Amino acid sequence: MQRKKYSDEFKQQIIKEAIETGNCSIVARKHNLIPSNVARWVRTHSNGNNSASKNYYPDKNSKELAKENEQLKKILGEKELEIAILRDLLKKTNQR
């Protein structure tokens, strides 16, 4: 018996459907697949070990994304602090 090979795009489609429905068995039956294979694909995807998961950001690598994410978190924190300071200042101004 020969083993079937599935493309990364097909696996991503199946993973997406399984996550949306929350049921690997239904998705497997719909596509004539073995439920344990679908469950394993979803599990490896959620662990970040799936080679197909690298295709989410094809134009950027993960280091650049992590750096950008940290910059955005820093900016967000600064904005939240600024808003808190302005609210305090507004309260003090209204009390007078």
Foldseek 3Di string as FASTA:
>chain_A
DDDDDDDLVVLVVLLVVCVVVVHQVVSCVVVVHDSVVNVVSNVCVVVVNDPSVQPPCVPDGPVVVVVVVVVVVVVVVVVVVVVVVVVVVVVVVVVD
